[in-house]
C-alpha atoms as a PDB file:
ATOM      1  CA  MET A   1    -208.224  79.274 103.142  1.00  0.00           C
ATOM      2  CA  LEU A   2    -208.097  77.104 106.090  1.00  0.00           C
ATOM      3  CA  ALA A   3    -211.488  75.525 107.603  1.00  0.00           C
ATOM      4  CA  ARG A   4    -212.294  77.250 110.720  1.00  0.00           C
ATOM      5  CA  ASN A   5    -211.303  74.409 113.182  1.00  0.00           C
ATOM      6  CA  ASP A   6    -207.745  74.425 111.705  1.00  0.00           C
ATOM      7  CA  TYR A   7    -207.207  77.827 113.386  1.00  0.00           C
ATOM      8  CA  ARG A   8    -206.880  75.645 116.834  1.00  0.00           C
ATOM      9  CA  ASN A   9    -203.926  74.414 115.500  1.00  0.00           C
ATOM     10  CA  TYR A  10    -202.227  77.808 116.289  1.00  0.00           C
ATOM     11  CA  ASP A  11    -203.621  78.430 119.728  1.00  0.00           C
ATOM     12  CA  PRO A  12    -200.505  77.803 122.112  1.00  0.00           C
ATOM     13  CA  LEU A  13    -203.166  76.203 124.844  1.00  0.00           C
ATOM     14  CA  LEU A  14    -204.657  73.619 122.764  1.00  0.00           C
ATOM     15  CA  VAL A  15    -201.063  72.316 121.792  1.00  0.00           C
ATOM     16  CA  HIS A  16    -201.301  71.028 125.676  1.00  0.00           C
ATOM     17  CA  ALA A  17    -204.849  69.886 125.252  1.00  0.00           C
ATOM     18  CA  ALA A  18    -205.375  66.495 126.523  1.00  0.00           C
ATOM     19  CA  ASN A  19    -208.270  66.413 124.137  1.00  0.00           C
ATOM     20  CA  ALA A  20    -208.287  69.316 121.497  1.00  0.00           C
ATOM     21  CA  GLU A  21    -212.173  67.975 120.076  1.00  0.00           C
ATOM     22  CA  ASP A  22    -213.851  68.575 123.209  1.00  0.00           C
ATOM     23  CA  PRO A  23    -216.374  71.402 123.318  1.00  0.00           C
ATOM     24  CA  VAL A  24    -215.472  72.093 126.565  1.00  0.00           C
ATOM     25  CA  THR A  25    -211.687  72.433 126.000  1.00  0.00           C
ATOM     26  CA  LEU A  26    -211.879  74.425 122.777  1.00  0.00           C
ATOM     27  CA  THR A  27    -214.278  76.775 125.165  1.00  0.00           C
ATOM     28  CA  PHE A  28    -211.495  77.204 127.851  1.00  0.00           C
ATOM     29  CA  ALA A  29    -209.026  77.964 125.314  1.00  0.00           C
ATOM     30  CA  SER A  30    -211.037  80.544 123.210  1.00  0.00           C
ATOM     31  CA  ALA A  31    -212.017  82.194 127.006  1.00  0.00           C
ATOM     32  CA  ILE A  32    -208.342  82.366 127.707  1.00  0.00           C
ATOM     33  CA  ALA A  33    -207.275  83.518 124.900  1.00  0.00           C
ATOM     34  CA  LEU A  34    -210.377  86.222 124.696  1.00  0.00           C
ATOM     35  CA  ALA A  35    -209.640  87.353 128.340  1.00  0.00           C
ATOM     36  CA  ARG A  36    -206.093  88.166 127.307  1.00  0.00           C
ATOM     37  CA  SER A  37    -207.089  90.435 124.614  1.00  0.00           C
ATOM     38  CA  SER A  38    -210.122  91.928 124.932  1.00  0.00           C
ATOM     39  CA  SER A  39    -210.801  95.162 126.139  1.00  0.00           C
ATOM     40  CA  ARG A  40    -213.837  94.600 128.085  1.00  0.00           C
ATOM     41  CA  LEU A  41    -212.187  92.152 130.459  1.00  0.00           C
ATOM     42  CA  PRO A  42    -209.667  94.575 132.321  1.00  0.00           C
ATOM     43  CA  GLY A  43    -208.392  92.433 135.024  1.00  0.00           C
ATOM     44  CA  ARG A  44    -209.780  89.090 134.226  1.00  0.00           C
ATOM     45  CA  GLY A  45    -207.077  87.029 132.103  1.00  0.00           C
ATOM     46  CA  GLY A  46    -208.263  84.247 134.378  1.00  0.00           C
ATOM     47  CA  LEU A  47    -211.560  84.455 133.857  1.00  0.00           C
ATOM     48  CA  GLY A  48    -212.250  85.483 137.030  1.00  0.00           C
ATOM     49  CA  LEU A  49    -211.005  82.463 138.909  1.00  0.00           C
ATOM     50  CA  ASN A  50    -208.427  82.635 141.158  1.00  0.00           C
ATOM     51  CA  LEU A  51    -204.779  81.389 141.149  1.00  0.00           C
ATOM     52  CA  SER A  52    -205.628  77.730 142.449  1.00  0.00           C
ATOM     53  CA  GLU A  53    -208.974  77.500 140.277  1.00  0.00           C
ATOM     54  CA  PHE A  54    -207.177  78.462 137.161  1.00  0.00           C
ATOM     55  CA  SER A  55    -203.943  76.390 137.996  1.00  0.00           C
ATOM     56  CA  ALA A  56    -206.216  73.602 138.070  1.00  0.00           C
ATOM     57  CA  LEU A  57    -208.276  74.198 135.145  1.00  0.00           C
ATOM     58  CA  LEU A  58    -204.658  74.178 133.103  1.00  0.00           C
ATOM     59  CA  ASP A  59    -203.657  71.101 134.608  1.00  0.00           C
ATOM     60  CA  ARG A  60    -206.935  69.564 133.997  1.00  0.00           C
ATOM     61  CA  TYR A  61    -207.446  70.121 130.593  1.00  0.00           C
ATOM     62  CA  PHE A  62    -203.890  71.706 129.379  1.00  0.00           C
ATOM     63  CA  PRO A  63    -201.619  69.486 131.048  1.00  0.00           C
ATOM     64  CA  GLY A  64    -197.900  70.888 130.918  1.00  0.00           C
ATOM     65  CA  ALA A  65    -199.157  74.303 130.105  1.00  0.00           C
ATOM     66  CA  ARG A  66    -198.994  76.009 133.422  1.00  0.00           C
ATOM     67  CA  ASN A  67    -195.196  76.497 133.966  1.00  0.00           C
ATOM     68  CA  SER A  68    -195.107  78.513 130.534  1.00  0.00           C
ATOM     69  CA  TYR A  69    -198.384  80.011 130.851  1.00  0.00           C
ATOM     70  CA  LEU A  70    -198.208  81.344 134.244  1.00  0.00           C
ATOM     71  CA  THR A  71    -195.471  84.313 134.445  1.00  0.00           C
ATOM     72  CA  PRO A  72    -195.405  86.331 137.272  1.00  0.00           C
ATOM     73  CA  ALA A  73    -196.978  89.262 135.820  1.00  0.00           C
ATOM     74  CA  PHE A  74    -199.816  86.347 134.859  1.00  0.00           C
ATOM     75  CA  ARG A  75    -199.958  85.349 138.425  1.00  0.00           C
ATOM     76  CA  ALA A  76    -200.107  89.021 140.090  1.00  0.00           C
ATOM     77  CA  ASN A  77    -202.727  89.800 137.573  1.00  0.00           C
ATOM     78  CA  LEU A  78    -204.766  86.936 138.600  1.00  0.00           C
ATOM     79  CA  VAL A  79    -204.437  87.606 142.376  1.00  0.00           C
ATOM     80  CA  ALA A  80    -205.617  91.156 141.471  1.00  0.00           C
ATOM     81  CA  ASP A  81    -208.444  90.038 139.669  1.00  0.00           C
ATOM     82  CA  ALA A  82    -209.499  87.741 142.743  1.00  0.00           C
ATOM     83  CA  GLY A  83    -209.637  90.975 144.936  1.00  0.00           C
ATOM     84  CA  ARG A  84    -212.334  92.317 142.609  1.00  0.00           C
ATOM     85  CA  ASN A  85    -216.103  92.696 143.550  1.00  0.00           C
ATOM     86  CA  GLY A  86    -218.953  94.775 142.945  1.00  0.00           C
ATOM     87  CA  PHE A  87    -221.800  94.239 140.250  1.00  0.00           C
ATOM     88  CA  ASP A  88    -221.171  94.884 136.646  1.00  0.00           C
ATOM     89  CA  GLU A  89    -221.831  92.991 133.402  1.00  0.00           C
ATOM     90  CA  PHE A  90    -219.274  90.119 134.017  1.00  0.00           C
ATOM     91  CA  GLN A  91    -220.586  89.514 137.235  1.00  0.00           C
ATOM     92  CA  ASP A  92    -224.029  89.391 136.450  1.00  0.00           C
ATOM     93  CA  VAL A  93    -223.638  87.282 133.198  1.00  0.00           C
ATOM     94  CA  LEU A  94    -221.611  84.897 135.636  1.00  0.00           C
ATOM     95  CA  SER A  95    -224.269  85.020 139.048  1.00  0.00           C
ATOM     96  CA  LEU A  96    -227.097  83.852 136.243  1.00  0.00           C
ATOM     97  CA  LEU A  97    -224.942  80.465 134.745  1.00  0.00           C
ATOM     98  CA  MET A  98    -223.976  79.814 138.153  1.00  0.00           C
ATOM     99  CA  GLU A  99    -227.097  79.861 139.335  1.00  0.00           C
ATOM    100  CA  HIS A 100    -228.478  77.347 136.695  1.00  0.00           C
ATOM    101  CA  ARG A 101    -225.604  74.894 136.945  1.00  0.00           C
ATOM    102  CA  SER A 102    -226.522  71.279 136.350  1.00  0.00           C
ATOM    103  CA  ASP A 103    -223.974  70.216 139.022  1.00  0.00           C
ATOM    104  CA  ASP A 104    -221.269  71.526 141.610  1.00  0.00           C
ATOM    105  CA  THR A 105    -218.264  69.966 139.878  1.00  0.00           C
ATOM    106  CA  PRO A 106    -215.379  72.478 139.712  1.00  0.00           C
ATOM    107  CA  GLU A 107    -215.378  71.955 136.031  1.00  0.00           C
ATOM    108  CA  THR A 108    -218.834  73.098 135.802  1.00  0.00           C
ATOM    109  CA  SER A 109    -217.504  76.257 137.687  1.00  0.00           C
ATOM    110  CA  TRP A 110    -214.755  76.784 135.095  1.00  0.00           C
ATOM    111  CA  LEU A 111    -217.420  76.750 132.447  1.00  0.00           C
ATOM    112  CA  ALA A 112    -219.638  79.210 133.964  1.00  0.00           C
ATOM    113  CA  HIS A 113    -216.705  81.345 134.140  1.00  0.00           C
ATOM    114  CA  ALA A 114    -215.540  80.640 130.514  1.00  0.00           C
ATOM    115  CA  ILE A 115    -218.991  81.169 129.100  1.00  0.00           C
ATOM    116  CA  THR A 116    -219.495  84.204 130.592  1.00  0.00           C
ATOM    117  CA  ALA A 117    -215.842  85.777 129.362  1.00  0.00           C
ATOM    118  CA  CYS A 118    -217.053  84.482 125.801  1.00  0.00           C
ATOM    119  CA  CYS A 119    -220.310  86.871 126.074  1.00  0.00           C
ATOM    120  CA  MET A 120    -217.904  89.931 126.228  1.00  0.00           C
ATOM    121  CA  GLY A 121    -217.042  89.134 122.671  1.00  0.00           C
ATOM    122  CA  GLU A 122    -217.880  90.322 119.439  1.00  0.00           C
ATOM    123  CA  ASP A 123    -219.279  87.498 117.574  1.00  0.00           C
ATOM    124  CA  HIS A 124    -221.809  84.891 117.747  1.00  0.00           C
ATOM    125  CA  LEU A 125    -221.442  83.233 121.261  1.00  0.00           C
ATOM    126  CA  TRP A 126    -220.598  79.563 119.577  1.00  0.00           C
ATOM    127  CA  GLN A 127    -218.164  81.475 117.814  1.00  0.00           C
ATOM    128  CA  ASP A 128    -216.140  83.364 120.488  1.00  0.00           C
ATOM    129  CA  MET A 129    -216.445  80.124 122.622  1.00  0.00           C
ATOM    130  CA  GLY A 130    -214.624  78.382 119.253  1.00  0.00           C
ATOM    131  CA  LEU A 131    -217.067  75.484 118.857  1.00  0.00           C
ATOM    132  CA  PRO A 132    -217.565  74.398 115.582  1.00  0.00           C
ATOM    133  CA  ASN A 133    -221.736  75.379 115.250  1.00  0.00           C
ATOM    134  CA  ARG A 134    -224.410  76.662 117.458  1.00  0.00           C
ATOM    135  CA  GLN A 135    -225.858  73.271 117.892  1.00  0.00           C
ATOM    136  CA  ALA A 136    -222.320  72.572 119.874  1.00  0.00           C
ATOM    137  CA  LEU A 137    -222.913  75.233 122.075  1.00  0.00           C
ATOM    138  CA  SER A 138    -226.497  73.802 122.689  1.00  0.00           C
ATOM    139  CA  ASP A 139    -225.628  70.702 123.328  1.00  0.00           C
ATOM    140  CA  LEU A 140    -223.206  71.941 125.878  1.00  0.00           C
ATOM    141  CA  LEU A 141    -225.856  74.121 127.716  1.00  0.00           C
ATOM    142  CA  ALA A 142    -228.135  71.379 127.734  1.00  0.00           C
ATOM    143  CA  GLN A 143    -225.499  69.128 129.843  1.00  0.00           C
ATOM    144  CA  HIS A 144    -224.306  71.632 132.185  1.00  0.00           C
ATOM    145  CA  PHE A 145    -226.835  74.192 132.290  1.00  0.00           C
ATOM    146  CA  SER A 146    -229.941  72.321 131.875  1.00  0.00           C
ATOM    147  CA  GLY A 147    -232.444  74.386 133.522  1.00  0.00           C
ATOM    148  CA  LEU A 148    -231.317  77.595 131.452  1.00  0.00           C
ATOM    149  CA  PHE A 149    -231.324  75.718 128.409  1.00  0.00           C
ATOM    150  CA  ALA A 150    -235.006  74.780 129.022  1.00  0.00           C
ATOM    151  CA  ARG A 151    -235.980  77.972 129.179  1.00  0.00           C
ATOM    152  CA  ASN A 152    -234.978  78.714 125.524  1.00  0.00           C
ATOM    153  CA  THR A 153    -238.087  77.316 124.127  1.00  0.00           C
ATOM    154  CA  GLY A 154    -238.065  79.677 121.298  1.00  0.00           C
ATOM    155  CA  GLY A 155    -234.739  78.957 119.943  1.00  0.00           C
ATOM    156  CA  MET A 156    -233.442  82.929 120.734  1.00  0.00           C
ATOM    157  CA  ARG A 157    -229.735  83.402 120.152  1.00  0.00           C
ATOM    158  CA  TRP A 158    -228.046  82.479 123.052  1.00  0.00           C
ATOM    159  CA  LYS A 159    -226.472  85.401 124.122  1.00  0.00           C
ATOM    160  CA  LYS A 160    -229.584  87.321 123.576  1.00  0.00           C
ATOM    161  CA  PHE A 161    -231.316  85.023 125.938  1.00  0.00           C
ATOM    162  CA  PHE A 162    -228.779  85.361 128.618  1.00  0.00           C
ATOM    163  CA  TYR A 163    -229.111  89.083 128.644  1.00  0.00           C
ATOM    164  CA  LYS A 164    -233.125  88.844 128.442  1.00  0.00           C
ATOM    165  CA  GLN A 165    -233.374  86.820 131.383  1.00  0.00           C
ATOM    166  CA  LEU A 166    -230.913  89.453 133.273  1.00  0.00           C
ATOM    167  CA  CYS A 167    -232.993  92.376 131.978  1.00  0.00           C
ATOM    168  CA  GLU A 168    -235.904  90.422 133.174  1.00  0.00           C
ATOM    169  CA  ARG A 169    -234.586  89.530 136.482  1.00  0.00           C
ATOM    170  CA  ASN A 170    -233.810  93.437 137.056  1.00  0.00           C
ATOM    171  CA  ALA A 171    -237.194  94.047 135.691  1.00  0.00           C
ATOM    172  CA  THR A 172    -235.825  96.464 132.992  1.00  0.00           C
ATOM    173  CA  PHE A 173    -237.335  95.551 129.977  1.00  0.00           C
ATOM    174  CA  VAL A 174    -235.228  97.108 127.150  1.00  0.00           C
ATOM    175  CA  CYS A 175    -237.336  95.726 124.693  1.00  0.00           C
ATOM    176  CA  ARG A 176    -241.122  97.532 124.444  1.00  0.00           C
ATOM    177  CA  SER A 177    -242.904  95.178 122.030  1.00  0.00           C
ATOM    178  CA  PRO A 178    -245.782  93.149 123.023  1.00  0.00           C
ATOM    179  CA  SER A 179    -243.801  89.489 122.007  1.00  0.00           C
ATOM    180  CA  CYS A 180    -240.844  88.741 120.493  1.00  0.00           C
ATOM    181  CA  ALA A 181    -242.978  87.788 117.620  1.00  0.00           C
ATOM    182  CA  ASP A 182    -244.014  91.335 116.815  1.00  0.00           C
ATOM    183  CA  CYS A 183    -240.608  92.921 117.432  1.00  0.00           C
ATOM    184  CA  SER A 184    -238.784  94.490 114.698  1.00  0.00           C
ATOM    185  CA  GLU A 185    -235.244  93.355 115.971  1.00  0.00           C
ATOM    186  CA  TYR A 186    -236.624  89.250 115.586  1.00  0.00           C
ATOM    187  CA  ALA A 187    -234.466  88.534 112.973  1.00  0.00           C
ATOM    188  CA  ASN A 188    -231.280  90.125 114.887  1.00  0.00           C
ATOM    189  CA  CYS A 189    -232.770  87.646 118.277  1.00  0.00           C
ATOM    190  CA  PHE A 190    -233.696  84.655 116.441  1.00  0.00           C
ATOM    191  CA  GLY A 191    -231.994  84.696 113.221  1.00  0.00           C
ATOM    192  CA  PRO A 192    -229.436  82.312 111.503  1.00  0.00           C
ATOM    193  CA  GLU A 193    -226.177  82.080 113.335  1.00  0.00           C
ATOM    194  CA  GLU A 194    -224.067  81.171 109.766  1.00  0.00           C
ATOM    195  CA  ASP A 195    -220.511  79.679 109.954  1.00  0.00           C
ATOM    196  CA  THR A 196    -219.537  81.765 106.996  1.00  0.00           C
ATOM    197  CA  GLU A 197    -219.846  84.884 108.904  1.00  0.00           C
ATOM    198  CA  TRP A 198    -216.868  83.900 111.091  1.00  0.00           C
ATOM    199  CA  GLN A 199    -213.640  85.670 109.981  1.00  0.00           C
ATOM    200  CA  PRO A 200    -210.249  84.723 111.879  1.00  0.00           C
ATOM    201  CA  ALA A 201    -208.344  87.346 113.631  1.00  0.00           C
ATOM    202  CA  LYS A 202    -206.161  89.564 112.092  1.00  0.00           C
END
């Protein structure tokens, strides 16, 4: 059986990657693949970016991929995507990340969109981001979203932490336990995230 990271060799974007070992590059490749296949991301094949932004992302991290990747149908989808408005789950998570960026560079903005797309996945967030382990995700968040990273003082799983932040922001507390330590779902929020749980897509 192949090691988890060996599956990156089959990713058509990573063939063009400037640095296929870079966590940010892995995140972009995984997010783009997820956005193309997930029913939870209709119309967001470009991670919610417009054509110019998405093209710049490809040129920066996957040089040479643009011509083969941006087909006419995909370009049309990106244009439609850019016209979306209103608030939904994707926009709420994206807003949270954008508000806590450590800098205003385009790369960090693109990363916020990519992480948001990966939050729509079904596995642990670090797995849906194509990262080798949870620590790699924590390191990435500490660097690019330091304010948000600093808030997770209890070591809550990152996806659950993001959604907890949204609940607190909107005053919609779905958990009625007086504290996390007293909650019957504690293990689901703070339990270990083992690499052995990951299974490659079939």
